[in-house]
Amino acid sequence: MVPEPLRPLRSNALPSAFCVVVAERRLLKNLAYHLLGSVDAAEHAVQATYTVWYTMPDHKQDGVESPFTWLLGMLVQICIGLLESSPTQAAGHNAAHVL
């Protein structure tokens, strides 16, 4: 069996994937902002969400049917945790150390 030759990437493949990631992040940050009421706390929650995702073993990531839905669920859990642990900090007063 002769292997198939490698096909070059489409010229628009990377920008398209990048646009999807940027749009996804924007949606997550908007949701976090609406839940927490602070840009800084929202940024922290989104970063914490991606940290959980990217530190998850590959076999677990592969088992996630819809990564965006998983990210939304994790983000909501993190936001609830921030609000329960300290509503004042979740509202933007240095929420970085909560998680």
C-alpha atoms as a PDB file:
ATOM      1  CA  MET A   1       0.000   0.000   0.000  1.00  0.00           C
ATOM      2  CA  VAL A   2       1.404   3.357  -1.051  1.00  0.00           C
ATOM      3  CA  PRO A   3       0.830   6.181   1.439  1.00  0.00           C
ATOM      4  CA  GLU A   4      -1.199   9.132   0.294  1.00  0.00           C
ATOM      5  CA  PRO A   5       0.894  12.229  -0.385  1.00  0.00           C
ATOM      6  CA  LEU A   6       0.539  14.986   2.167  1.00  0.00           C
ATOM      7  CA  ARG A   7      -1.903  17.643   1.127  1.00  0.00           C
ATOM      8  CA  PRO A   8      -0.925  21.246   1.804  1.00  0.00           C
ATOM      9  CA  LEU A   9      -3.001  23.182   4.311  1.00  0.00           C
ATOM     10  CA  ARG A  10      -5.603  25.486   2.880  1.00  0.00           C
ATOM     11  CA  SER A  11      -4.382  29.037   2.968  1.00  0.00           C
ATOM     12  CA  ASN A  12      -7.328  30.050   5.160  1.00  0.00           C
ATOM     13  CA  ALA A  13      -7.215  27.088   7.589  1.00  0.00           C
ATOM     14  CA  LEU A  14      -5.281  28.711  10.419  1.00  0.00           C
ATOM     15  CA  PRO A  15      -6.999  32.099  10.367  1.00  0.00           C
ATOM     16  CA  SER A  16     -10.369  30.328  10.387  1.00  0.00           C
ATOM     17  CA  ALA A  17      -9.409  28.188  13.392  1.00  0.00           C
ATOM     18  CA  PHE A  18      -7.992  31.252  15.130  1.00  0.00           C
ATOM     19  CA  CYS A  19     -11.238  33.152  14.528  1.00  0.00           C
ATOM     20  CA  VAL A  20     -13.221  30.312  16.091  1.00  0.00           C
ATOM     21  CA  VAL A  21     -11.038  30.326  19.216  1.00  0.00           C
ATOM     22  CA  VAL A  22     -11.247  34.117  19.527  1.00  0.00           C
ATOM     23  CA  ALA A  23     -15.035  34.070  19.115  1.00  0.00           C
ATOM     24  CA  GLU A  24     -15.351  31.231  21.644  1.00  0.00           C
ATOM     25  CA  ARG A  25     -13.241  33.113  24.177  1.00  0.00           C
ATOM     26  CA  ARG A  26     -15.256  36.289  23.643  1.00  0.00           C
ATOM     27  CA  LEU A  27     -18.514  34.424  24.336  1.00  0.00           C
ATOM     28  CA  LEU A  28     -17.073  32.852  27.486  1.00  0.00           C
ATOM     29  CA  LYS A  29     -15.801  36.203  28.736  1.00  0.00           C
ATOM     30  CA  ASN A  30     -19.155  37.900  28.065  1.00  0.00           C
ATOM     31  CA  LEU A  31     -20.998  35.200  30.005  1.00  0.00           C
ATOM     32  CA  ALA A  32     -18.535  35.423  32.895  1.00  0.00           C
ATOM     33  CA  TYR A  33     -18.869  39.207  32.944  1.00  0.00           C
ATOM     34  CA  HIS A  34     -22.659  38.970  33.130  1.00  0.00           C
ATOM     35  CA  LEU A  35     -22.408  36.444  35.955  1.00  0.00           C
ATOM     36  CA  LEU A  36     -19.690  38.216  37.945  1.00  0.00           C
ATOM     37  CA  GLY A  37     -20.131  41.888  37.049  1.00  0.00           C
ATOM     38  CA  SER A  38     -16.428  42.596  36.618  1.00  0.00           C
ATOM     39  CA  VAL A  39     -14.080  42.492  33.651  1.00  0.00           C
ATOM     40  CA  ASP A  40     -11.145  41.376  35.824  1.00  0.00           C
ATOM     41  CA  ALA A  41     -13.115  38.600  37.512  1.00  0.00           C
ATOM     42  CA  ALA A  42     -14.485  37.483  34.127  1.00  0.00           C
ATOM     43  CA  GLU A  43     -10.967  37.300  32.679  1.00  0.00           C
ATOM     44  CA  HIS A  44      -9.820  35.275  35.681  1.00  0.00           C
ATOM     45  CA  ALA A  45     -12.746  32.854  35.320  1.00  0.00           C
ATOM     46  CA  VAL A  46     -12.080  32.342  31.596  1.00  0.00           C
ATOM     47  CA  GLN A  47      -8.373  31.740  32.218  1.00  0.00           C
ATOM     48  CA  ALA A  48      -9.212  29.244  34.967  1.00  0.00           C
ATOM     49  CA  THR A  49     -11.635  27.474  32.609  1.00  0.00           C
ATOM     50  CA  TYR A  50      -9.001  27.105  29.889  1.00  0.00           C
ATOM     51  CA  THR A  51      -6.447  25.981  32.482  1.00  0.00           C
ATOM     52  CA  VAL A  52      -8.738  23.126  33.521  1.00  0.00           C
ATOM     53  CA  TRP A  53      -9.321  22.191  29.859  1.00  0.00           C
ATOM     54  CA  TYR A  54      -5.681  22.244  28.782  1.00  0.00           C
ATOM     55  CA  THR A  55      -4.423  20.376  31.847  1.00  0.00           C
ATOM     56  CA  MET A  56      -6.999  17.616  31.332  1.00  0.00           C
ATOM     57  CA  PRO A  57      -5.466  14.402  29.943  1.00  0.00           C
ATOM     58  CA  ASP A  58      -5.945  13.894  26.198  1.00  0.00           C
ATOM     59  CA  HIS A  59      -8.081  10.787  26.665  1.00  0.00           C
ATOM     60  CA  LYS A  60     -10.539  12.797  28.775  1.00  0.00           C
ATOM     61  CA  GLN A  61     -10.631  15.655  26.253  1.00  0.00           C
ATOM     62  CA  ASP A  62     -11.297  13.118  23.508  1.00  0.00           C
ATOM     63  CA  GLY A  63     -14.285  11.849  25.484  1.00  0.00           C
ATOM     64  CA  VAL A  64     -15.939  15.272  25.523  1.00  0.00           C
ATOM     65  CA  GLU A  65     -18.620  15.327  22.843  1.00  0.00           C
ATOM     66  CA  SER A  66     -18.919  19.126  22.666  1.00  0.00           C
ATOM     67  CA  PRO A  67     -15.864  21.004  23.961  1.00  0.00           C
ATOM     68  CA  PHE A  68     -17.623  24.375  23.860  1.00  0.00           C
ATOM     69  CA  THR A  69     -20.531  23.056  25.927  1.00  0.00           C
ATOM     70  CA  TRP A  70     -18.031  21.574  28.374  1.00  0.00           C
ATOM     71  CA  LEU A  71     -16.214  24.931  28.584  1.00  0.00           C
ATOM     72  CA  LEU A  72     -19.517  26.724  29.262  1.00  0.00           C
ATOM     73  CA  GLY A  73     -20.372  24.301  32.056  1.00  0.00           C
ATOM     74  CA  MET A  74     -16.945  24.610  33.644  1.00  0.00           C
ATOM     75  CA  LEU A  75     -17.056  28.405  33.381  1.00  0.00           C
ATOM     76  CA  VAL A  76     -20.420  28.523  35.159  1.00  0.00           C
ATOM     77  CA  GLN A  77     -19.066  26.244  37.917  1.00  0.00           C
ATOM     78  CA  ILE A  78     -16.031  28.495  38.368  1.00  0.00           C
ATOM     79  CA  CYS A  79     -18.186  31.638  38.449  1.00  0.00           C
ATOM     80  CA  ILE A  80     -20.511  30.093  41.037  1.00  0.00           C
ATOM     81  CA  GLY A  81     -17.477  29.117  43.099  1.00  0.00           C
ATOM     82  CA  LEU A  82     -16.167  32.671  42.949  1.00  0.00           C
ATOM     83  CA  LEU A  83     -19.538  34.116  43.944  1.00  0.00           C
ATOM     84  CA  GLU A  84     -19.983  31.668  46.823  1.00  0.00           C
ATOM     85  CA  SER A  85     -16.459  32.070  48.177  1.00  0.00           C
ATOM     86  CA  SER A  86     -16.440  35.848  48.215  1.00  0.00           C
ATOM     87  CA  PRO A  87     -19.057  37.989  46.473  1.00  0.00           C
ATOM     88  CA  THR A  88     -16.906  41.107  46.965  1.00  0.00           C
ATOM     89  CA  GLN A  89     -13.886  39.531  45.312  1.00  0.00           C
ATOM     90  CA  ALA A  90     -16.007  38.087  42.516  1.00  0.00           C
ATOM     91  CA  ALA A  91     -17.209  41.604  41.796  1.00  0.00           C
ATOM     92  CA  GLY A  92     -13.672  42.546  40.853  1.00  0.00           C
ATOM     93  CA  HIS A  93     -11.622  43.111  43.967  1.00  0.00           C
ATOM     94  CA  ASN A  94      -8.657  40.864  43.172  1.00  0.00           C
ATOM     95  CA  ALA A  95     -10.391  37.579  42.379  1.00  0.00           C
ATOM     96  CA  ALA A  96      -7.117  36.110  41.038  1.00  0.00           C
ATOM     97  CA  HIS A  97      -6.237  34.228  44.222  1.00  0.00           C
ATOM     98  CA  VAL A  98      -9.638  32.586  44.775  1.00  0.00           C
ATOM     99  CA  LEU A  99      -8.981  29.550  42.560  1.00  0.00           C
END
